[in-house]
Amino acid sequence: MTPQQQQLLAYFAQLQDQDAHTLLRFAAFLAQGQSASAVLVNTASVIPQPNLLPRPDQERVVDAIKRLTGSYPMLDKKKLLHQTAGLVAEHVMSGKPAKLVIDELEAVFRRAYDQFTAQQRGS
């Protein structure tokens, strides 16, 4: 294996599933003799889908945030920080039940994903 192939494999191993898929599509187009600019136009229209991780029966609020962050890796965590922190505070400071807070967290992430997809589509 050449050093370039080893380097490409090392990069590939570091990618998340959606990015790995994009790289494979890019390589397939290049292998067919298409130009890189044509590939970039085609891959730009792909909207990453969430990888919804299953919700355990007994889940802590912090674990739910980790699960949802993993389910929606395309979302900007900084944009979600204010809302998620407020819900965590309701749970910790006000004693709001974890199940209700987690339900609301799931809704927050779902809405953020809907906004993300609308922006990707140019709506």
PDB file of N, CA and C in Angstrom:
ATOM      1  N   MET A   1       0.850  -1.177   0.000  1.00  0.00           N
ATOM      2  CA  MET A   1       0.000   0.000   0.000  1.00  0.00           C
ATOM      3  C   MET A   1       0.897   1.242   0.000  1.00  0.00           C
ATOM      4  N   THR A   2       0.554   2.203  -0.832  1.00  0.00           N
ATOM      5  CA  THR A   2       1.360   3.419  -0.938  1.00  0.00           C
ATOM      6  C   THR A   2       1.107   4.324   0.270  1.00  0.00           C
ATOM      7  N   PRO A   3       2.025   5.262   0.526  1.00  0.00           N
ATOM      8  CA  PRO A   3       1.810   6.217   1.626  1.00  0.00           C
ATOM      9  C   PRO A   3       0.517   7.024   1.435  1.00  0.00           C
ATOM     10  N   GLN A   4       0.186   7.361   0.194  1.00  0.00           N
ATOM     11  CA  GLN A   4      -1.057   8.107  -0.060  1.00  0.00           C
ATOM     12  C   GLN A   4      -2.276   7.274   0.312  1.00  0.00           C
ATOM     13  N   GLN A   5      -2.263   6.000  -0.020  1.00  0.00           N
ATOM     14  CA  GLN A   5      -3.391   5.132   0.322  1.00  0.00           C
ATOM     15  C   GLN A   5      -3.517   4.986   1.837  1.00  0.00           C
ATOM     16  N   GLN A   6      -2.384   4.856   2.514  1.00  0.00           N
ATOM     17  CA  GLN A   6      -2.407   4.752   3.973  1.00  0.00           C
ATOM     18  C   GLN A   6      -2.957   6.028   4.604  1.00  0.00           C
ATOM     19  N   GLN A   7      -2.549   7.171   4.058  1.00  0.00           N
ATOM     20  CA  GLN A   7      -3.027   8.450   4.575  1.00  0.00           C
ATOM     21  C   GLN A   7      -4.538   8.579   4.355  1.00  0.00           C
ATOM     22  N   LEU A   8      -5.001   8.184   3.172  1.00  0.00           N
ATOM     23  CA  LEU A   8      -6.435   8.243   2.879  1.00  0.00           C
ATOM     24  C   LEU A   8      -7.215   7.339   3.829  1.00  0.00           C
ATOM     25  N   LEU A   9      -6.728   6.155   4.087  1.00  0.00           N
ATOM     26  CA  LEU A   9      -7.395   5.248   5.024  1.00  0.00           C
ATOM     27  C   LEU A   9      -7.424   5.815   6.440  1.00  0.00           C
ATOM     28  N   ALA A  10      -6.346   6.473   6.834  1.00  0.00           N
ATOM     29  CA  ALA A  10      -6.300   7.087   8.168  1.00  0.00           C
ATOM     30  C   ALA A  10      -7.346   8.201   8.280  1.00  0.00           C
ATOM     31  N   TYR A  11      -7.462   9.019   7.244  1.00  0.00           N
ATOM     32  CA  TYR A  11      -8.492  10.061   7.245  1.00  0.00           C
ATOM     33  C   TYR A  11      -9.890   9.447   7.282  1.00  0.00           C
ATOM     34  N   PHE A  12     -10.088   8.441   6.461  1.00  0.00           N
ATOM     35  CA  PHE A  12     -11.393   7.783   6.370  1.00  0.00           C
ATOM     36  C   PHE A  12     -11.816   7.216   7.724  1.00  0.00           C
ATOM     37  N   ALA A  13     -10.886   6.624   8.452  1.00  0.00           N
ATOM     38  CA  ALA A  13     -11.189   6.023   9.754  1.00  0.00           C
ATOM     39  C   ALA A  13     -11.642   7.063  10.778  1.00  0.00           C
ATOM     40  N   GLN A  14     -11.295   8.312  10.584  1.00  0.00           N
ATOM     41  CA  GLN A  14     -11.640   9.375  11.527  1.00  0.00           C
ATOM     42  C   GLN A  14     -13.008  10.003  11.246  1.00  0.00           C
ATOM     43  N   LEU A  15     -13.612   9.676  10.118  1.00  0.00           N
ATOM     44  CA  LEU A  15     -14.852  10.325   9.701  1.00  0.00           C
ATOM     45  C   LEU A  15     -16.083   9.703  10.349  1.00  0.00           C
ATOM     46  N   GLN A  16     -17.102  10.538  10.541  1.00  0.00           N
ATOM     47  CA  GLN A  16     -18.399  10.039  10.969  1.00  0.00           C
ATOM     48  C   GLN A  16     -19.074   9.401   9.761  1.00  0.00           C
ATOM     49  N   ASP A  17     -20.110   8.604   9.996  1.00  0.00           N
ATOM     50  CA  ASP A  17     -20.746   7.829   8.934  1.00  0.00           C
ATOM     51  C   ASP A  17     -21.145   8.678   7.730  1.00  0.00           C
ATOM     52  N   GLN A  18     -21.800   9.807   7.958  1.00  0.00           N
ATOM     53  CA  GLN A  18     -22.275  10.637   6.844  1.00  0.00           C
ATOM     54  C   GLN A  18     -21.105  11.164   6.026  1.00  0.00           C
ATOM     55  N   ASP A  19     -20.053  11.597   6.698  1.00  0.00           N
ATOM     56  CA  ASP A  19     -18.892  12.112   5.988  1.00  0.00           C
ATOM     57  C   ASP A  19     -18.168  10.996   5.239  1.00  0.00           C
ATOM     58  N   ALA A  20     -18.113   9.804   5.832  1.00  0.00           N
ATOM     59  CA  ALA A  20     -17.491   8.667   5.156  1.00  0.00           C
ATOM     60  C   ALA A  20     -18.264   8.335   3.881  1.00  0.00           C
ATOM     61  N   HIS A  21     -19.589   8.389   3.959  1.00  0.00           N
ATOM     62  CA  HIS A  21     -20.422   8.128   2.781  1.00  0.00           C
ATOM     63  C   HIS A  21     -20.135   9.171   1.688  1.00  0.00           C
ATOM     64  N   THR A  22     -20.019  10.427   2.084  1.00  0.00           N
ATOM     65  CA  THR A  22     -19.726  11.491   1.127  1.00  0.00           C
ATOM     66  C   THR A  22     -18.369  11.259   0.465  1.00  0.00           C
ATOM     67  N   LEU A  23     -17.378  10.876   1.255  1.00  0.00           N
ATOM     68  CA  LEU A  23     -16.053  10.612   0.701  1.00  0.00           C
ATOM     69  C   LEU A  23     -16.094   9.449  -0.295  1.00  0.00           C
ATOM     70  N   LEU A  24     -16.841   8.409   0.027  1.00  0.00           N
ATOM     71  CA  LEU A  24     -16.962   7.276  -0.892  1.00  0.00           C
ATOM     72  C   LEU A  24     -17.628   7.699  -2.204  1.00  0.00           C
ATOM     73  N   ARG A  25     -18.660   8.519  -2.116  1.00  0.00           N
ATOM     74  CA  ARG A  25     -19.321   9.011  -3.334  1.00  0.00           C
ATOM     75  C   ARG A  25     -18.348   9.844  -4.161  1.00  0.00           C
ATOM     76  N   PHE A  26     -17.584  10.677  -3.471  1.00  0.00           N
ATOM     77  CA  PHE A  26     -16.602  11.510  -4.150  1.00  0.00           C
ATOM     78  C   PHE A  26     -15.574  10.646  -4.875  1.00  0.00           C
ATOM     79  N   ALA A  27     -15.058   9.633  -4.197  1.00  0.00           N
ATOM     80  CA  ALA A  27     -14.071   8.740  -4.805  1.00  0.00           C
ATOM     81  C   ALA A  27     -14.662   7.995  -5.997  1.00  0.00           C
ATOM     82  N   ALA A  28     -15.923   7.571  -5.876  1.00  0.00           N
ATOM     83  CA  ALA A  28     -16.569   6.855  -6.973  1.00  0.00           C
ATOM     84  C   ALA A  28     -16.704   7.743  -8.203  1.00  0.00           C
ATOM     85  N   PHE A  29     -17.063   8.993  -8.007  1.00  0.00           N
ATOM     86  CA  PHE A  29     -17.181   9.916  -9.137  1.00  0.00           C
ATOM     87  C   PHE A  29     -15.822  10.168  -9.773  1.00  0.00           C
ATOM     88  N   LEU A  30     -14.808  10.369  -8.945  1.00  0.00           N
ATOM     89  CA  LEU A  30     -13.477  10.603  -9.495  1.00  0.00           C
ATOM     90  C   LEU A  30     -12.988   9.381 -10.269  1.00  0.00           C
ATOM     91  N   ALA A  31     -13.277   8.194  -9.742  1.00  0.00           N
ATOM     92  CA  ALA A  31     -12.855   6.968 -10.418  1.00  0.00           C
ATOM     93  C   ALA A  31     -13.545   6.805 -11.766  1.00  0.00           C
ATOM     94  N   GLN A  32     -14.735   7.389 -11.909  1.00  0.00           N
ATOM     95  CA  GLN A  32     -15.464   7.314 -13.177  1.00  0.00           C
ATOM     96  C   GLN A  32     -15.022   8.409 -14.149  1.00  0.00           C
ATOM     97  N   GLY A  33     -14.077   9.239 -13.720  1.00  0.00           N
ATOM     98  CA  GLY A  33     -13.542  10.255 -14.610  1.00  0.00           C
ATOM     99  C   GLY A  33     -14.278  11.580 -14.555  1.00  0.00           C
ATOM    100  N   GLN A  34     -15.159  11.786 -13.591  1.00  0.00           N
ATOM    101  CA  GLN A  34     -15.867  13.061 -13.479  1.00  0.00           C
ATOM    102  C   GLN A  34     -14.978  14.073 -12.768  1.00  0.00           C
ATOM    103  N   SER A  35     -15.286  15.329 -12.961  1.00  0.00           N
ATOM    104  CA  SER A  35     -14.488  16.373 -12.330  1.00  0.00           C
ATOM    105  C   SER A  35     -14.879  16.534 -10.866  1.00  0.00           C
ATOM    106  N   ALA A  36     -13.945  17.032 -10.078  1.00  0.00           N
ATOM    107  CA  ALA A  36     -14.197  17.243  -8.659  1.00  0.00           C
ATOM    108  C   ALA A  36     -15.308  18.252  -8.433  1.00  0.00           C
ATOM    109  N   SER A  37     -15.409  19.271  -9.256  1.00  0.00           N
ATOM    110  CA  SER A  37     -16.448  20.283  -9.058  1.00  0.00           C
ATOM    111  C   SER A  37     -17.834  19.687  -9.256  1.00  0.00           C
ATOM    112  N   ALA A  38     -18.001  18.759 -10.179  1.00  0.00           N
ATOM    113  CA  ALA A  38     -19.301  18.106 -10.382  1.00  0.00           C
ATOM    114  C   ALA A  38     -19.675  17.283  -9.168  1.00  0.00           C
ATOM    115  N   VAL A  39     -18.705  16.639  -8.559  1.00  0.00           N
ATOM    116  CA  VAL A  39     -18.971  15.828  -7.374  1.00  0.00           C
ATOM    117  C   VAL A  39     -19.394  16.706  -6.210  1.00  0.00           C
ATOM    118  N   LEU A  40     -18.707  17.808  -6.016  1.00  0.00           N
ATOM    119  CA  LEU A  40     -19.041  18.692  -4.912  1.00  0.00           C
ATOM    120  C   LEU A  40     -20.446  19.246  -5.049  1.00  0.00           C
ATOM    121  N   VAL A  41     -20.876  19.541  -6.232  1.00  0.00           N
ATOM    122  CA  VAL A  41     -22.237  20.016  -6.448  1.00  0.00           C
ATOM    123  C   VAL A  41     -23.230  18.926  -6.056  1.00  0.00           C
ATOM    124  N   ASN A  42     -22.947  17.688  -6.443  1.00  0.00           N
ATOM    125  CA  ASN A  42     -23.856  16.584  -6.122  1.00  0.00           C
ATOM    126  C   ASN A  42     -23.901  16.272  -4.632  1.00  0.00           C
ATOM    127  N   THR A  43     -22.773  16.310  -3.936  1.00  0.00           N
ATOM    128  CA  THR A  43     -22.763  15.970  -2.521  1.00  0.00           C
ATOM    129  C   THR A  43     -23.274  17.110  -1.655  1.00  0.00           C
ATOM    130  N   ALA A  44     -23.246  18.339  -2.152  1.00  0.00           N
ATOM    131  CA  ALA A  44     -23.723  19.468  -1.359  1.00  0.00           C
ATOM    132  C   ALA A  44     -25.218  19.366  -1.093  1.00  0.00           C
ATOM    133  N   SER A  45     -25.950  18.688  -1.953  1.00  0.00           N
ATOM    134  CA  SER A  45     -27.400  18.601  -1.777  1.00  0.00           C
ATOM    135  C   SER A  45     -27.815  17.493  -0.825  1.00  0.00           C
ATOM    136  N   VAL A  46     -26.876  16.688  -0.332  1.00  0.00           N
ATOM    137  CA  VAL A  46     -27.196  15.607   0.589  1.00  0.00           C
ATOM    138  C   VAL A  46     -27.356  16.177   1.993  1.00  0.00           C
ATOM    139  N   ILE A  47     -28.524  15.959   2.570  1.00  0.00           N
ATOM    140  CA  ILE A  47     -28.785  16.420   3.929  1.00  0.00           C
ATOM    141  C   ILE A  47     -28.582  15.237   4.867  1.00  0.00           C
ATOM    142  N   PRO A  48     -27.669  15.369   5.828  1.00  0.00           N
ATOM    143  CA  PRO A  48     -27.417  14.252   6.732  1.00  0.00           C
ATOM    144  C   PRO A  48     -28.666  13.897   7.541  1.00  0.00           C
ATOM    145  N   GLN A  49     -28.897  12.616   7.666  1.00  0.00           N
ATOM    146  CA  GLN A  49     -30.039  12.119   8.438  1.00  0.00           C
ATOM    147  C   GLN A  49     -29.585  11.833   9.868  1.00  0.00           C
ATOM    148  N   PRO A  50     -30.475  12.039  10.838  1.00  0.00           N
ATOM    149  CA  PRO A  50     -30.095  11.701  12.207  1.00  0.00           C
ATOM    150  C   PRO A  50     -29.954  10.187  12.370  1.00  0.00           C
ATOM    151  N   ASN A  51     -29.068   9.805  13.238  1.00  0.00           N
ATOM    152  CA  ASN A  51     -28.888   8.403  13.598  1.00  0.00           C
ATOM    153  C   ASN A  51     -29.521   8.240  14.972  1.00  0.00           C
ATOM    154  N   LEU A  52     -30.843   8.071  15.004  1.00  0.00           N
ATOM    155  CA  LEU A  52     -31.576   8.086  16.264  1.00  0.00           C
ATOM    156  C   LEU A  52     -31.213   6.875  17.122  1.00  0.00           C
ATOM    157  N   LEU A  53     -30.526   7.173  18.215  1.00  0.00           N
ATOM    158  CA  LEU A  53     -30.137   6.140  19.153  1.00  0.00           C
ATOM    159  C   LEU A  53     -31.327   5.822  20.051  1.00  0.00           C
ATOM    160  N   PRO A  54     -31.525   4.558  20.425  1.00  0.00           N
ATOM    161  CA  PRO A  54     -32.688   4.185  21.230  1.00  0.00           C
ATOM    162  C   PRO A  54     -32.642   4.806  22.622  1.00  0.00           C
ATOM    163  N   ARG A  55     -33.822   5.139  23.112  1.00  0.00           N
ATOM    164  CA  ARG A  55     -33.947   5.735  24.435  1.00  0.00           C
ATOM    165  C   ARG A  55     -34.141   4.625  25.479  1.00  0.00           C
ATOM    166  N   PRO A  56     -33.217   4.524  26.424  1.00  0.00           N
ATOM    167  CA  PRO A  56     -33.368   3.507  27.475  1.00  0.00           C
ATOM    168  C   PRO A  56     -34.564   3.825  28.376  1.00  0.00           C
ATOM    169  N   ASP A  57     -35.096   2.797  29.020  1.00  0.00           N
ATOM    170  CA  ASP A  57     -36.238   2.995  29.922  1.00  0.00           C
ATOM    171  C   ASP A  57     -35.889   3.924  31.081  1.00  0.00           C
ATOM    172  N   GLN A  58     -34.761   3.680  31.699  1.00  0.00           N
ATOM    173  CA  GLN A  58     -34.311   4.508  32.812  1.00  0.00           C
ATOM    174  C   GLN A  58     -33.102   5.305  32.352  1.00  0.00           C
ATOM    175  N   GLU A  59     -33.328   6.567  31.988  1.00  0.00           N
ATOM    176  CA  GLU A  59     -32.241   7.392  31.459  1.00  0.00           C
ATOM    177  C   GLU A  59     -32.123   8.665  32.270  1.00  0.00           C
ATOM    178  N   ARG A  60     -30.888   9.045  32.553  1.00  0.00           N
ATOM    179  CA  ARG A  60     -30.654  10.309  33.239  1.00  0.00           C
ATOM    180  C   ARG A  60     -30.642  11.436  32.204  1.00  0.00           C
ATOM    181  N   VAL A  61     -30.925  12.635  32.655  1.00  0.00           N
ATOM    182  CA  VAL A  61     -31.004  13.789  31.766  1.00  0.00           C
ATOM    183  C   VAL A  61     -29.679  14.018  31.037  1.00  0.00           C
ATOM    184  N   VAL A  62     -28.587  13.943  31.747  1.00  0.00           N
ATOM    185  CA  VAL A  62     -27.271  14.163  31.131  1.00  0.00           C
ATOM    186  C   VAL A  62     -27.001  13.085  30.077  1.00  0.00           C
ATOM    187  N   ASP A  63     -27.377  11.849  30.374  1.00  0.00           N
ATOM    188  CA  ASP A  63     -27.193  10.778  29.398  1.00  0.00           C
ATOM    189  C   ASP A  63     -28.073  11.002  28.168  1.00  0.00           C
ATOM    190  N   ALA A  64     -29.254  11.557  28.367  1.00  0.00           N
ATOM    191  CA  ALA A  64     -30.147  11.854  27.242  1.00  0.00           C
ATOM    192  C   ALA A  64     -29.517  12.906  26.328  1.00  0.00           C
ATOM    193  N   ILE A  65     -28.878  13.901  26.914  1.00  0.00           N
ATOM    194  CA  ILE A  65     -28.218  14.931  26.104  1.00  0.00           C
ATOM    195  C   ILE A  65     -27.089  14.306  25.286  1.00  0.00           C
ATOM    196  N   LYS A  66     -26.331  13.414  25.894  1.00  0.00           N
ATOM    197  CA  LYS A  66     -25.260  12.725  25.156  1.00  0.00           C
ATOM    198  C   LYS A  66     -25.843  11.880  24.029  1.00  0.00           C
ATOM    199  N   ARG A  67     -26.940  11.180  24.314  1.00  0.00           N
ATOM    200  CA  ARG A  67     -27.581  10.343  23.295  1.00  0.00           C
ATOM    201  C   ARG A  67     -28.086  11.196  22.138  1.00  0.00           C
ATOM    202  N   LEU A  68     -28.743  12.307  22.465  1.00  0.00           N
ATOM    203  CA  LEU A  68     -29.300  13.174  21.427  1.00  0.00           C
ATOM    204  C   LEU A  68     -28.202  13.873  20.625  1.00  0.00           C
ATOM    205  N   THR A  69     -27.119  14.236  21.276  1.00  0.00           N
ATOM    206  CA  THR A  69     -25.984  14.829  20.575  1.00  0.00           C
ATOM    207  C   THR A  69     -25.393  13.814  19.597  1.00  0.00           C
ATOM    208  N   GLY A  70     -25.342  12.553  20.009  1.00  0.00           N
ATOM    209  CA  GLY A  70     -24.869  11.500  19.121  1.00  0.00           C
ATOM    210  C   GLY A  70     -25.850  11.199  18.003  1.00  0.00           C
ATOM    211  N   SER A  71     -27.136  11.360  18.284  1.00  0.00           N
ATOM    212  CA  SER A  71     -28.168  11.109  17.274  1.00  0.00           C
ATOM    213  C   SER A  71     -28.204  12.198  16.211  1.00  0.00           C
ATOM    214  N   TYR A  72     -27.844  13.405  16.604  1.00  0.00           N
ATOM    215  CA  TYR A  72     -27.893  14.559  15.704  1.00  0.00           C
ATOM    216  C   TYR A  72     -26.514  15.227  15.624  1.00  0.00           C
ATOM    217  N   PRO A  73     -25.498  14.522  15.105  1.00  0.00           N
ATOM    218  CA  PRO A  73     -24.149  15.111  15.099  1.00  0.00           C
ATOM    219  C   PRO A  73     -24.005  16.320  14.180  1.00  0.00           C
ATOM    220  N   MET A  74     -24.976  16.520  13.276  1.00  0.00           N
ATOM    221  CA  MET A  74     -24.883  17.631  12.330  1.00  0.00           C
ATOM    222  C   MET A  74     -25.302  18.963  12.960  1.00  0.00           C
ATOM    223  N   LEU A  75     -25.905  18.929  14.150  1.00  0.00           N
ATOM    224  CA  LEU A  75     -26.385  20.156  14.785  1.00  0.00           C
ATOM    225  C   LEU A  75     -25.265  20.844  15.557  1.00  0.00           C
ATOM    226  N   ASP A  76     -25.328  22.158  15.595  1.00  0.00           N
ATOM    227  CA  ASP A  76     -24.356  22.963  16.316  1.00  0.00           C
ATOM    228  C   ASP A  76     -24.698  22.927  17.803  1.00  0.00           C
ATOM    229  N   LYS A  77     -23.848  22.313  18.598  1.00  0.00           N
ATOM    230  CA  LYS A  77     -24.094  22.168  20.036  1.00  0.00           C
ATOM    231  C   LYS A  77     -24.204  23.523  20.737  1.00  0.00           C
ATOM    232  N   LYS A  78     -23.448  24.498  20.255  1.00  0.00           N
ATOM    233  CA  LYS A  78     -23.476  25.820  20.880  1.00  0.00           C
ATOM    234  C   LYS A  78     -24.861  26.454  20.756  1.00  0.00           C
ATOM    235  N   LYS A  79     -25.528  26.209  19.624  1.00  0.00           N
ATOM    236  CA  LYS A  79     -26.866  26.775  19.422  1.00  0.00           C
ATOM    237  C   LYS A  79     -27.903  26.113  20.333  1.00  0.00           C
ATOM    238  N   LEU A  80     -27.641  24.892  20.744  1.00  0.00           N
ATOM    239  CA  LEU A  80     -28.576  24.161  21.598  1.00  0.00           C
ATOM    240  C   LEU A  80     -28.290  24.348  23.084  1.00  0.00           C
ATOM    241  N   LEU A  81     -27.142  24.920  23.408  1.00  0.00           N
ATOM    242  CA  LEU A  81     -26.698  25.008  24.793  1.00  0.00           C
ATOM    243  C   LEU A  81     -27.690  25.732  25.697  1.00  0.00           C
ATOM    244  N   HIS A  82     -28.187  26.865  25.272  1.00  0.00           N
ATOM    245  CA  HIS A  82     -29.089  27.652  26.119  1.00  0.00           C
ATOM    246  C   HIS A  82     -30.349  26.863  26.471  1.00  0.00           C
ATOM    247  N   GLN A  83     -30.963  26.257  25.468  1.00  0.00           N
ATOM    248  CA  GLN A  83     -32.194  25.508  25.708  1.00  0.00           C
ATOM    249  C   GLN A  83     -31.950  24.281  26.570  1.00  0.00           C
ATOM    250  N   THR A  84     -30.886  23.537  26.268  1.00  0.00           N
ATOM    251  CA  THR A  84     -30.621  22.321  27.040  1.00  0.00           C
ATOM    252  C   THR A  84     -30.235  22.662  28.478  1.00  0.00           C
ATOM    253  N   ALA A  85     -29.465  23.716  28.655  1.00  0.00           N
ATOM    254  CA  ALA A  85     -29.067  24.123  30.013  1.00  0.00           C
ATOM    255  C   ALA A  85     -30.287  24.531  30.832  1.00  0.00           C
ATOM    256  N   GLY A  86     -31.220  25.212  30.195  1.00  0.00           N
ATOM    257  CA  GLY A  86     -32.439  25.606  30.899  1.00  0.00           C
ATOM    258  C   GLY A  86     -33.258  24.404  31.349  1.00  0.00           C
ATOM    259  N   LEU A  87     -33.328  23.396  30.503  1.00  0.00           N
ATOM    260  CA  LEU A  87     -34.079  22.191  30.868  1.00  0.00           C
ATOM    261  C   LEU A  87     -33.367  21.400  31.965  1.00  0.00           C
ATOM    262  N   VAL A  88     -32.052  21.350  31.904  1.00  0.00           N
ATOM    263  CA  VAL A  88     -31.292  20.666  32.960  1.00  0.00           C
ATOM    264  C   VAL A  88     -31.508  21.386  34.287  1.00  0.00           C
ATOM    265  N   ALA A  89     -31.500  22.705  34.254  1.00  0.00           N
ATOM    266  CA  ALA A  89     -31.727  23.494  35.471  1.00  0.00           C
ATOM    267  C   ALA A  89     -33.118  23.225  36.041  1.00  0.00           C
ATOM    268  N   GLU A  90     -34.126  23.109  35.180  1.00  0.00           N
ATOM    269  CA  GLU A  90     -35.469  22.788  35.662  1.00  0.00           C
ATOM    270  C   GLU A  90     -35.479  21.443  36.376  1.00  0.00           C
ATOM    271  N   HIS A  91     -34.725  20.509  35.880  1.00  0.00           N
ATOM    272  CA  HIS A  91     -34.654  19.185  36.484  1.00  0.00           C
ATOM    273  C   HIS A  91     -33.908  19.235  37.814  1.00  0.00           C
ATOM    274  N   VAL A  92     -32.725  19.858  37.812  1.00  0.00           N
ATOM    275  CA  VAL A  92     -31.876  19.854  38.998  1.00  0.00           C
ATOM    276  C   VAL A  92     -32.401  20.805  40.069  1.00  0.00           C
ATOM    277  N   MET A  93     -32.751  22.008  39.681  1.00  0.00           N
ATOM    278  CA  MET A  93     -33.133  23.032  40.663  1.00  0.00           C
ATOM    279  C   MET A  93     -34.596  22.963  41.072  1.00  0.00           C
ATOM    280  N   SER A  94     -35.460  22.624  40.123  1.00  0.00           N
ATOM    281  CA  SER A  94     -36.893  22.640  40.420  1.00  0.00           C
ATOM    282  C   SER A  94     -37.477  21.249  40.617  1.00  0.00           C
ATOM    283  N   GLY A  95     -36.688  20.234  40.364  1.00  0.00           N
ATOM    284  CA  GLY A  95     -37.160  18.873  40.568  1.00  0.00           C
ATOM    285  C   GLY A  95     -38.108  18.357  39.498  1.00  0.00           C
ATOM    286  N   LYS A  96     -38.077  18.962  38.332  1.00  0.00           N
ATOM    287  CA  LYS A  96     -38.924  18.480  37.238  1.00  0.00           C
ATOM    288  C   LYS A  96     -38.499  17.053  36.893  1.00  0.00           C
ATOM    289  N   PRO A  97     -39.440  16.136  36.751  1.00  0.00           N
ATOM    290  CA  PRO A  97     -39.098  14.731  36.495  1.00  0.00           C
ATOM    291  C   PRO A  97     -38.255  14.553  35.233  1.00  0.00           C
ATOM    292  N   ALA A  98     -37.289  13.658  35.331  1.00  0.00           N
ATOM    293  CA  ALA A  98     -36.358  13.403  34.229  1.00  0.00           C
ATOM    294  C   ALA A  98     -37.099  13.025  32.955  1.00  0.00           C
ATOM    295  N   LYS A  99     -38.135  12.204  33.064  1.00  0.00           N
ATOM    296  CA  LYS A  99     -38.865  11.761  31.868  1.00  0.00           C
ATOM    297  C   LYS A  99     -39.435  12.949  31.097  1.00  0.00           C
ATOM    298  N   LEU A 100     -40.016  13.914  31.819  1.00  0.00           N
ATOM    299  CA  LEU A 100     -40.583  15.098  31.158  1.00  0.00           C
ATOM    300  C   LEU A 100     -39.495  15.965  30.525  1.00  0.00           C
ATOM    301  N   VAL A 101     -38.390  16.121  31.238  1.00  0.00           N
ATOM    302  CA  VAL A 101     -37.284  16.921  30.716  1.00  0.00           C
ATOM    303  C   VAL A 101     -36.709  16.261  29.461  1.00  0.00           C
ATOM    304  N   ILE A 102     -36.566  14.941  29.490  1.00  0.00           N
ATOM    305  CA  ILE A 102     -36.021  14.225  28.331  1.00  0.00           C
ATOM    306  C   ILE A 102     -36.979  14.329  27.144  1.00  0.00           C
ATOM    307  N   ASP A 103     -38.279  14.254  27.404  1.00  0.00           N
ATOM    308  CA  ASP A 103     -39.258  14.449  26.328  1.00  0.00           C
ATOM    309  C   ASP A 103     -39.056  15.822  25.677  1.00  0.00           C
ATOM    310  N   GLU A 104     -38.873  16.843  26.512  1.00  0.00           N
ATOM    311  CA  GLU A 104     -38.670  18.195  25.993  1.00  0.00           C
ATOM    312  C   GLU A 104     -37.337  18.316  25.257  1.00  0.00           C
ATOM    313  N   LEU A 105     -36.302  17.664  25.768  1.00  0.00           N
ATOM    314  CA  LEU A 105     -35.000  17.681  25.084  1.00  0.00           C
ATOM    315  C   LEU A 105     -35.113  17.066  23.697  1.00  0.00           C
ATOM    316  N   GLU A 106     -35.837  15.961  23.602  1.00  0.00           N
ATOM    317  CA  GLU A 106     -36.024  15.328  22.293  1.00  0.00           C
ATOM    318  C   GLU A 106     -36.739  16.273  21.328  1.00  0.00           C
ATOM    319  N   ALA A 107     -37.715  17.009  21.839  1.00  0.00           N
ATOM    320  CA  ALA A 107     -38.434  17.978  21.000  1.00  0.00           C
ATOM    321  C   ALA A 107     -37.511  19.115  20.563  1.00  0.00           C
ATOM    322  N   VAL A 108     -36.646  19.573  21.452  1.00  0.00           N
ATOM    323  CA  VAL A 108     -35.692  20.638  21.129  1.00  0.00           C
ATOM    324  C   VAL A 108     -34.769  20.187  19.991  1.00  0.00           C
ATOM    325  N   PHE A 109     -34.241  18.982  20.107  1.00  0.00           N
ATOM    326  CA  PHE A 109     -33.336  18.476  19.069  1.00  0.00           C
ATOM    327  C   PHE A 109     -34.080  18.259  17.753  1.00  0.00           C
ATOM    328  N   ARG A 110     -35.302  17.758  17.826  1.00  0.00           N
ATOM    329  CA  ARG A 110     -36.093  17.543  16.609  1.00  0.00           C
ATOM    330  C   ARG A 110     -36.364  18.863  15.896  1.00  0.00           C
ATOM    331  N   ARG A 111     -36.751  19.903  16.664  1.00  0.00           N
ATOM    332  CA  ARG A 111     -36.993  21.224  16.066  1.00  0.00           C
ATOM    333  C   ARG A 111     -35.711  21.795  15.465  1.00  0.00           C
ATOM    334  N   ALA A 112     -34.605  21.639  16.188  1.00  0.00           N
ATOM    335  CA  ALA A 112     -33.319  22.139  15.672  1.00  0.00           C
ATOM    336  C   ALA A 112     -32.949  21.420  14.380  1.00  0.00           C
ATOM    337  N   TYR A 113     -33.229  20.124  14.303  1.00  0.00           N
ATOM    338  CA  TYR A 113     -32.936  19.383  13.079  1.00  0.00           C
ATOM    339  C   TYR A 113     -33.845  19.861  11.944  1.00  0.00           C
ATOM    340  N   ASP A 114     -35.117  20.099  12.246  1.00  0.00           N
ATOM    341  CA  ASP A 114     -36.035  20.607  11.222  1.00  0.00           C
ATOM    342  C   ASP A 114     -35.553  21.957  10.685  1.00  0.00           C
ATOM    343  N   GLN A 115     -35.075  22.820  11.570  1.00  0.00           N
ATOM    344  CA  GLN A 115     -34.536  24.114  11.138  1.00  0.00           C
ATOM    345  C   GLN A 115     -33.273  23.923  10.300  1.00  0.00           C
ATOM    346  N   PHE A 116     -32.423  22.993  10.722  1.00  0.00           N
ATOM    347  CA  PHE A 116     -31.206  22.694   9.977  1.00  0.00           C
ATOM    348  C   PHE A 116     -31.530  22.228   8.560  1.00  0.00           C
ATOM    349  N   THR A 117     -32.481  21.309   8.426  1.00  0.00           N
ATOM    350  CA  THR A 117     -32.821  20.805   7.097  1.00  0.00           C
ATOM    351  C   THR A 117     -33.452  21.888   6.238  1.00  0.00           C
ATOM    352  N   ALA A 118     -34.263  22.752   6.860  1.00  0.00           N
ATOM    353  CA  ALA A 118     -34.870  23.848   6.097  1.00  0.00           C
ATOM    354  C   ALA A 118     -33.776  24.785   5.569  1.00  0.00           C
ATOM    355  N   GLN A 119     -32.758  25.056   6.387  1.00  0.00           N
ATOM    356  CA  GLN A 119     -31.645  25.909   5.944  1.00  0.00           C
ATOM    357  C   GLN A 119     -30.846  25.232   4.828  1.00  0.00           C
ATOM    358  N   GLN A 120     -30.656  23.928   4.946  1.00  0.00           N
ATOM    359  CA  GLN A 120     -29.912  23.195   3.924  1.00  0.00           C
ATOM    360  C   GLN A 120     -30.637  23.211   2.588  1.00  0.00           C
ATOM    361  N   ARG A 121     -31.957  23.190   2.653  1.00  0.00           N
ATOM    362  CA  ARG A 121     -32.757  23.201   1.419  1.00  0.00           C
ATOM    363  C   ARG A 121     -32.919  24.617   0.871  1.00  0.00           C
ATOM    364  N   GLY A 122     -32.517  25.611   1.669  1.00  0.00           N
ATOM    365  CA  GLY A 122     -32.641  26.991   1.223  1.00  0.00           C
ATOM    366  C   GLY A 122     -34.015  27.571   1.441  1.00  0.00           C
ATOM    367  N   SER A 123     -34.766  26.972   2.351  1.00  0.00           N
ATOM    368  CA  SER A 123     -36.139  27.447   2.616  1.00  0.00           C
ATOM    369  C   SER A 123     -36.139  28.645   3.522  1.00  0.00           C
TER     370      SER A 123
END
